[in-house]
Every structure is written in C-alpha cells, then in structure tokens.
Amino acid sequence: MRLPYLPLAGAMFVMLNVPAFANDADFRLVNKTGYQIDSVWVSAHSAGSWGHDVMGKDALGDGEGVNITFPHGGGHCHYDIKVKYNDGDEAQWGDVNLCNYEKITLFWDGKQTRAEGE
C-alpha cells in the first residue's frame, strides 16, 4: 500500500537537457507508478488555486501516457502540478518550469512519487 507523499517544489524533477519549444508549457504525462491516476491539475505557480482537472480523459492507467494541454498564454513557464490516484492519494510539485520539458514521467518507488522530465 502506498503512503501519501507530497514532494516539495519540484525537487524530484531531473532535467535531461532535452530542449523543449520556447514558450510551450504543454507536455506528455506518462504514468509508470503502478497505480491509476484519476485527475491532473496544472496551475500557474502564482495562482494559489488548482482550477479544474486538465487530464482530458477519465483515467490514466499504469504504463499509459496522455498529452496535457491547457491555457498558458503570455509565455509563462512556471507551474504547479498535482495528480490524484484512484485510491485518493495525491502528489504535487511546485514551480516547475514546463517550458524545459516535453515529457514528464511519474514513478512510484515504494515511498514517494518521483517525476522525471525530459
């Protein structure tokens, strides 16, 4: 059974120096956690609220990926990301520069959800 864990401020992101398109914060989310993800929220880092689920499909099963697109005009890049699993657990990352990533892959290591961007 997974224990809830909320990593701090994007500390679990690993940059692989793969360039993304400038001012493009949309990304592909890949689930390799072993659990189903039911909701994904992306909000501007300064927003203070999550808004609505942006996943675009009902659920993201283990091993699946989904393209995450959301309104992000004005060339903004810094966002907070939150996911909710089908068992109610959540994980979140703050102040992620989404302009640096084309794909974000989530992993569960038995203690926490880890996110790697490329």
N, C-alpha and C. Protein backbone atom coordinates (compact mmCIF):
# COMPACT_ATOMS: atom_id res chain seq x y z
N MET A 1 0.84 -1.19 0.00
CA MET A 1 0.00 0.00 0.00
C MET A 1 0.87 1.24 0.00
N ARG A 2 0.52 2.20 -0.85
CA ARG A 2 1.28 3.43 -0.91
C ARG A 2 0.92 4.34 0.26
N LEU A 3 1.90 5.04 0.76
CA LEU A 3 1.67 6.06 1.77
C LEU A 3 1.62 7.40 1.07
N PRO A 4 0.77 8.31 1.53
CA PRO A 4 0.72 9.62 0.88
C PRO A 4 2.06 10.34 1.01
N TYR A 5 2.47 11.00 -0.05
CA TYR A 5 3.71 11.76 -0.01
C TYR A 5 3.60 12.93 -0.96
N LEU A 6 4.00 14.09 -0.52
CA LEU A 6 3.95 15.28 -1.34
C LEU A 6 5.34 15.87 -1.44
N PRO A 7 6.09 15.56 -2.51
CA PRO A 7 7.42 16.12 -2.65
C PRO A 7 7.38 17.64 -2.74
N LEU A 8 8.44 18.29 -2.36
CA LEU A 8 8.49 19.74 -2.31
C LEU A 8 9.00 20.36 -3.60
N ALA A 9 8.39 21.41 -4.02
CA ALA A 9 8.85 22.37 -5.04
C ALA A 9 9.64 21.76 -6.19
N GLY A 10 9.16 20.71 -6.77
CA GLY A 10 9.79 20.15 -7.95
C GLY A 10 11.14 19.51 -7.69
N ALA A 11 11.47 19.24 -6.44
CA ALA A 11 12.77 18.71 -6.11
C ALA A 11 13.02 17.35 -6.73
N MET A 12 11.97 16.64 -7.11
CA MET A 12 12.15 15.32 -7.66
C MET A 12 12.29 15.34 -9.19
N PHE A 13 12.29 16.50 -9.81
CA PHE A 13 12.43 16.57 -11.26
C PHE A 13 13.90 16.46 -11.63
N VAL A 14 14.17 15.70 -12.68
CA VAL A 14 15.51 15.54 -13.20
C VAL A 14 15.52 16.11 -14.61
N MET A 15 16.33 17.11 -14.85
CA MET A 15 16.40 17.69 -16.18
C MET A 15 17.44 16.92 -16.99
N LEU A 16 17.04 16.50 -18.18
CA LEU A 16 17.92 15.74 -19.04
C LEU A 16 18.47 16.57 -20.19
N ASN A 17 18.35 17.89 -20.12
CA ASN A 17 18.85 18.81 -21.13
C ASN A 17 18.32 18.53 -22.52
N VAL A 18 17.06 18.11 -22.60
CA VAL A 18 16.41 17.96 -23.88
C VAL A 18 15.60 19.23 -24.11
N PRO A 19 15.92 20.01 -25.12
CA PRO A 19 15.23 21.29 -25.30
C PRO A 19 13.76 21.10 -25.68
N ALA A 20 12.92 21.92 -25.11
CA ALA A 20 11.51 21.97 -25.47
C ALA A 20 11.31 23.21 -26.33
N PHE A 21 10.14 23.32 -26.94
CA PHE A 21 9.85 24.51 -27.72
C PHE A 21 9.67 25.69 -26.77
N ALA A 22 10.26 26.82 -27.13
CA ALA A 22 10.16 28.01 -26.28
C ALA A 22 8.71 28.40 -26.07
N ASN A 23 8.37 28.81 -24.88
CA ASN A 23 7.03 29.26 -24.50
C ASN A 23 5.95 28.19 -24.70
N ASP A 24 6.30 26.94 -24.67
CA ASP A 24 5.33 25.88 -24.84
C ASP A 24 5.30 25.04 -23.57
N ALA A 25 4.29 25.24 -22.76
CA ALA A 25 4.21 24.54 -21.48
C ALA A 25 3.41 23.25 -21.56
N ASP A 26 2.79 22.93 -22.70
CA ASP A 26 2.09 21.66 -22.83
C ASP A 26 3.11 20.53 -22.76
N PHE A 27 2.68 19.36 -22.27
CA PHE A 27 3.62 18.25 -22.11
C PHE A 27 2.89 16.92 -22.18
N ARG A 28 3.63 15.85 -22.32
CA ARG A 28 3.10 14.49 -22.27
C ARG A 28 3.36 13.95 -20.88
N LEU A 29 2.32 13.43 -20.21
CA LEU A 29 2.45 12.84 -18.89
C LEU A 29 2.39 11.32 -19.04
N VAL A 30 3.40 10.62 -18.52
CA VAL A 30 3.46 9.17 -18.60
C VAL A 30 3.41 8.62 -17.18
N ASN A 31 2.53 7.65 -16.97
CA ASN A 31 2.32 7.05 -15.65
C ASN A 31 3.04 5.71 -15.57
N LYS A 32 4.09 5.64 -14.77
CA LYS A 32 4.80 4.38 -14.51
C LYS A 32 4.85 4.12 -13.00
N THR A 33 3.74 4.46 -12.32
CA THR A 33 3.69 4.34 -10.86
C THR A 33 3.17 2.99 -10.40
N GLY A 34 2.50 2.24 -11.27
CA GLY A 34 1.85 1.00 -10.85
C GLY A 34 0.43 1.24 -10.37
N TYR A 35 -0.03 2.50 -10.42
CA TYR A 35 -1.37 2.86 -9.94
C TYR A 35 -2.07 3.71 -11.00
N GLN A 36 -3.37 3.74 -10.94
CA GLN A 36 -4.17 4.57 -11.85
C GLN A 36 -4.22 6.00 -11.34
N ILE A 37 -4.05 6.96 -12.26
CA ILE A 37 -4.19 8.38 -11.94
C ILE A 37 -5.55 8.82 -12.45
N ASP A 38 -6.35 9.40 -11.56
CA ASP A 38 -7.70 9.83 -11.93
C ASP A 38 -7.79 11.31 -12.29
N SER A 39 -6.91 12.15 -11.77
CA SER A 39 -7.00 13.59 -12.01
C SER A 39 -5.62 14.20 -12.09
N VAL A 40 -5.51 15.25 -12.91
CA VAL A 40 -4.27 16.03 -13.05
C VAL A 40 -4.66 17.50 -13.07
N TRP A 41 -3.99 18.28 -12.26
CA TRP A 41 -4.19 19.73 -12.24
C TRP A 41 -2.87 20.41 -12.56
N VAL A 42 -2.94 21.47 -13.34
CA VAL A 42 -1.78 22.31 -13.63
C VAL A 42 -2.24 23.74 -13.45
N SER A 43 -1.55 24.47 -12.60
CA SER A 43 -1.93 25.87 -12.38
C SER A 43 -0.68 26.74 -12.37
N ALA A 44 -0.86 27.98 -12.74
CA ALA A 44 0.27 28.91 -12.69
C ALA A 44 0.82 28.93 -11.27
N HIS A 45 2.13 29.00 -11.16
CA HIS A 45 2.76 28.93 -9.84
C HIS A 45 2.24 30.01 -8.90
N SER A 46 1.88 31.14 -9.42
CA SER A 46 1.41 32.24 -8.58
C SER A 46 -0.11 32.24 -8.38
N ALA A 47 -0.82 31.24 -8.91
CA ALA A 47 -2.29 31.26 -8.90
C ALA A 47 -2.90 31.07 -7.51
N GLY A 48 -2.35 30.20 -6.70
CA GLY A 48 -2.90 29.96 -5.37
C GLY A 48 -4.11 29.04 -5.35
N SER A 49 -4.55 28.55 -6.51
CA SER A 49 -5.65 27.58 -6.57
C SER A 49 -5.40 26.63 -7.74
N TRP A 50 -6.06 25.49 -7.69
CA TRP A 50 -5.81 24.46 -8.70
C TRP A 50 -6.70 24.55 -9.93
N GLY A 51 -7.86 25.11 -9.86
CA GLY A 51 -8.74 25.14 -11.02
C GLY A 51 -9.34 23.78 -11.30
N HIS A 52 -9.42 23.38 -12.58
CA HIS A 52 -10.08 22.13 -12.94
C HIS A 52 -9.07 21.08 -13.43
N ASP A 53 -9.51 19.84 -13.44
CA ASP A 53 -8.72 18.71 -13.92
C ASP A 53 -8.44 18.90 -15.41
N VAL A 54 -7.17 18.82 -15.82
CA VAL A 54 -6.79 19.06 -17.21
C VAL A 54 -6.37 17.80 -17.95
N MET A 55 -6.60 16.64 -17.37
CA MET A 55 -6.08 15.42 -17.99
C MET A 55 -6.68 15.16 -19.36
N GLY A 56 -7.95 15.41 -19.55
CA GLY A 56 -8.55 15.22 -20.85
C GLY A 56 -9.07 13.82 -21.10
N LYS A 57 -8.97 12.94 -20.13
CA LYS A 57 -9.55 11.61 -20.23
C LYS A 57 -9.94 11.17 -18.83
N ASP A 58 -10.71 10.10 -18.72
CA ASP A 58 -11.25 9.69 -17.42
C ASP A 58 -10.17 9.24 -16.44
N ALA A 59 -9.20 8.46 -16.91
CA ALA A 59 -8.17 7.95 -16.02
C ALA A 59 -6.93 7.63 -16.84
N LEU A 60 -5.79 7.62 -16.18
CA LEU A 60 -4.52 7.28 -16.81
C LEU A 60 -3.97 6.04 -16.11
N GLY A 61 -4.08 4.90 -16.78
CA GLY A 61 -3.62 3.66 -16.20
C GLY A 61 -2.10 3.57 -16.17
N ASP A 62 -1.60 2.63 -15.39
CA ASP A 62 -0.16 2.39 -15.32
C ASP A 62 0.36 2.02 -16.71
N GLY A 63 1.44 2.65 -17.11
CA GLY A 63 2.03 2.39 -18.41
C GLY A 63 1.47 3.24 -19.53
N GLU A 64 0.44 4.03 -19.24
CA GLU A 64 -0.19 4.87 -20.26
C GLU A 64 0.36 6.29 -20.20
N GLY A 65 0.15 7.02 -21.30
CA GLY A 65 0.53 8.42 -21.37
C GLY A 65 -0.62 9.23 -21.93
N VAL A 66 -0.62 10.52 -21.63
CA VAL A 66 -1.64 11.43 -22.14
C VAL A 66 -0.99 12.78 -22.40
N ASN A 67 -1.42 13.44 -23.47
CA ASN A 67 -0.94 14.80 -23.74
C ASN A 67 -1.73 15.77 -22.89
N ILE A 68 -1.04 16.58 -22.12
CA ILE A 68 -1.66 17.58 -21.26
C ILE A 68 -1.54 18.93 -21.95
N THR A 69 -2.69 19.49 -22.31
CA THR A 69 -2.73 20.82 -22.89
C THR A 69 -3.64 21.69 -22.03
N PHE A 70 -3.27 22.93 -21.87
CA PHE A 70 -4.03 23.83 -21.01
C PHE A 70 -3.72 25.26 -21.41
N PRO A 71 -4.60 26.21 -21.08
CA PRO A 71 -4.34 27.62 -21.41
C PRO A 71 -3.12 28.13 -20.66
N HIS A 72 -2.17 28.67 -21.38
CA HIS A 72 -0.96 29.19 -20.74
C HIS A 72 -0.36 30.30 -21.57
N GLY A 73 -1.17 31.24 -21.97
CA GLY A 73 -0.72 32.34 -22.83
C GLY A 73 0.32 33.23 -22.17
N GLY A 74 0.90 34.07 -22.97
CA GLY A 74 1.84 35.06 -22.47
C GLY A 74 3.23 34.54 -22.22
N GLY A 75 3.55 33.33 -22.65
CA GLY A 75 4.90 32.80 -22.50
C GLY A 75 5.24 32.38 -21.08
N HIS A 76 4.26 32.18 -20.23
CA HIS A 76 4.53 31.74 -18.86
C HIS A 76 5.04 30.30 -18.88
N CYS A 77 5.93 29.98 -17.99
CA CYS A 77 6.54 28.65 -17.95
C CYS A 77 6.43 27.97 -16.59
N HIS A 78 6.30 28.72 -15.51
CA HIS A 78 6.37 28.16 -14.16
C HIS A 78 4.98 27.78 -13.65
N TYR A 79 4.81 26.48 -13.39
CA TYR A 79 3.51 25.93 -12.99
C TYR A 79 3.67 24.96 -11.84
N ASP A 80 2.56 24.75 -11.14
CA ASP A 80 2.46 23.71 -10.12
C ASP A 80 1.65 22.57 -10.73
N ILE A 81 2.02 21.33 -10.38
CA ILE A 81 1.35 20.14 -10.91
C ILE A 81 0.89 19.29 -9.74
N LYS A 82 -0.34 18.77 -9.84
CA LYS A 82 -0.85 17.85 -8.82
C LYS A 82 -1.55 16.69 -9.52
N VAL A 83 -1.33 15.47 -9.01
CA VAL A 83 -2.03 14.29 -9.51
C VAL A 83 -2.76 13.63 -8.35
N LYS A 84 -3.90 13.01 -8.66
CA LYS A 84 -4.66 12.27 -7.66
C LYS A 84 -4.85 10.85 -8.17
N TYR A 85 -4.49 9.88 -7.33
CA TYR A 85 -4.60 8.47 -7.67
C TYR A 85 -5.99 7.95 -7.34
N ASN A 86 -6.35 6.80 -7.90
CA ASN A 86 -7.68 6.25 -7.67
C ASN A 86 -7.92 5.82 -6.23
N ASP A 87 -6.88 5.73 -5.41
CA ASP A 87 -7.07 5.40 -4.00
C ASP A 87 -7.16 6.65 -3.13
N GLY A 88 -7.15 7.86 -3.77
CA GLY A 88 -7.29 9.11 -3.02
C GLY A 88 -5.98 9.79 -2.69
N ASP A 89 -4.85 9.08 -2.79
CA ASP A 89 -3.55 9.71 -2.53
C ASP A 89 -3.26 10.76 -3.59
N GLU A 90 -2.46 11.76 -3.22
CA GLU A 90 -2.08 12.82 -4.12
C GLU A 90 -0.58 13.05 -4.07
N ALA A 91 -0.04 13.59 -5.14
CA ALA A 91 1.36 14.03 -5.18
C ALA A 91 1.37 15.36 -5.91
N GLN A 92 2.28 16.24 -5.52
CA GLN A 92 2.35 17.53 -6.19
C GLN A 92 3.77 18.05 -6.23
N TRP A 93 4.00 18.93 -7.23
CA TRP A 93 5.29 19.56 -7.43
C TRP A 93 5.05 21.03 -7.69
N GLY A 94 5.88 21.88 -7.13
CA GLY A 94 5.69 23.32 -7.26
C GLY A 94 6.78 23.98 -8.08
N ASP A 95 6.41 25.06 -8.76
CA ASP A 95 7.33 25.90 -9.52
C ASP A 95 8.14 25.11 -10.54
N VAL A 96 7.45 24.30 -11.33
CA VAL A 96 8.10 23.50 -12.37
C VAL A 96 8.13 24.34 -13.65
N ASN A 97 9.29 24.47 -14.24
CA ASN A 97 9.42 25.21 -15.50
C ASN A 97 9.05 24.27 -16.64
N LEU A 98 7.78 24.28 -17.03
CA LEU A 98 7.29 23.36 -18.05
C LEU A 98 7.82 23.66 -19.44
N CYS A 99 8.39 24.83 -19.66
CA CYS A 99 8.99 25.12 -20.95
C CYS A 99 10.26 24.30 -21.17
N ASN A 100 10.80 23.71 -20.11
CA ASN A 100 12.00 22.88 -20.21
C ASN A 100 11.71 21.42 -20.51
N TYR A 101 10.43 21.00 -20.49
CA TYR A 101 10.10 19.59 -20.62
C TYR A 101 9.06 19.34 -21.70
N GLU A 102 9.25 18.30 -22.47
CA GLU A 102 8.25 17.83 -23.42
C GLU A 102 7.49 16.64 -22.86
N LYS A 103 8.13 15.92 -21.93
CA LYS A 103 7.51 14.74 -21.34
C LYS A 103 7.89 14.67 -19.86
N ILE A 104 6.90 14.32 -19.04
CA ILE A 104 7.13 14.10 -17.62
C ILE A 104 6.65 12.69 -17.30
N THR A 105 7.52 11.89 -16.73
CA THR A 105 7.19 10.51 -16.38
C THR A 105 7.17 10.39 -14.86
N LEU A 106 6.08 9.82 -14.34
CA LEU A 106 5.93 9.61 -12.90
C LEU A 106 6.26 8.18 -12.54
N PHE A 107 7.02 7.99 -11.44
CA PHE A 107 7.41 6.68 -10.93
C PHE A 107 7.04 6.60 -9.46
N TRP A 108 6.71 5.42 -8.98
CA TRP A 108 6.48 5.16 -7.56
C TRP A 108 7.60 4.26 -7.09
N ASP A 109 8.35 4.67 -6.07
CA ASP A 109 9.48 3.87 -5.59
C ASP A 109 9.20 3.15 -4.27
N GLY A 110 7.95 3.08 -3.87
CA GLY A 110 7.58 2.43 -2.62
C GLY A 110 7.44 3.40 -1.46
N LYS A 111 7.95 4.62 -1.63
CA LYS A 111 7.87 5.63 -0.59
C LYS A 111 7.28 6.94 -1.09
N GLN A 112 7.55 7.29 -2.34
CA GLN A 112 7.11 8.57 -2.87
C GLN A 112 6.96 8.49 -4.38
N THR A 113 6.20 9.44 -4.93
CA THR A 113 6.11 9.58 -6.38
C THR A 113 7.26 10.46 -6.83
N ARG A 114 8.00 9.97 -7.79
CA ARG A 114 9.14 10.70 -8.34
C ARG A 114 8.78 11.09 -9.77
N ALA A 115 9.11 12.30 -10.17
CA ALA A 115 8.84 12.78 -11.52
C ALA A 115 10.16 13.09 -12.22
N GLU A 116 10.26 12.62 -13.46
CA GLU A 116 11.43 12.92 -14.28
C GLU A 116 10.97 13.61 -15.54
N GLY A 117 11.60 14.72 -15.86
CA GLY A 117 11.26 15.46 -17.06
C GLY A 117 12.32 15.31 -18.12
N GLU A 118 11.87 15.30 -19.35
CA GLU A 118 12.80 15.29 -20.47
C GLU A 118 12.24 16.09 -21.61
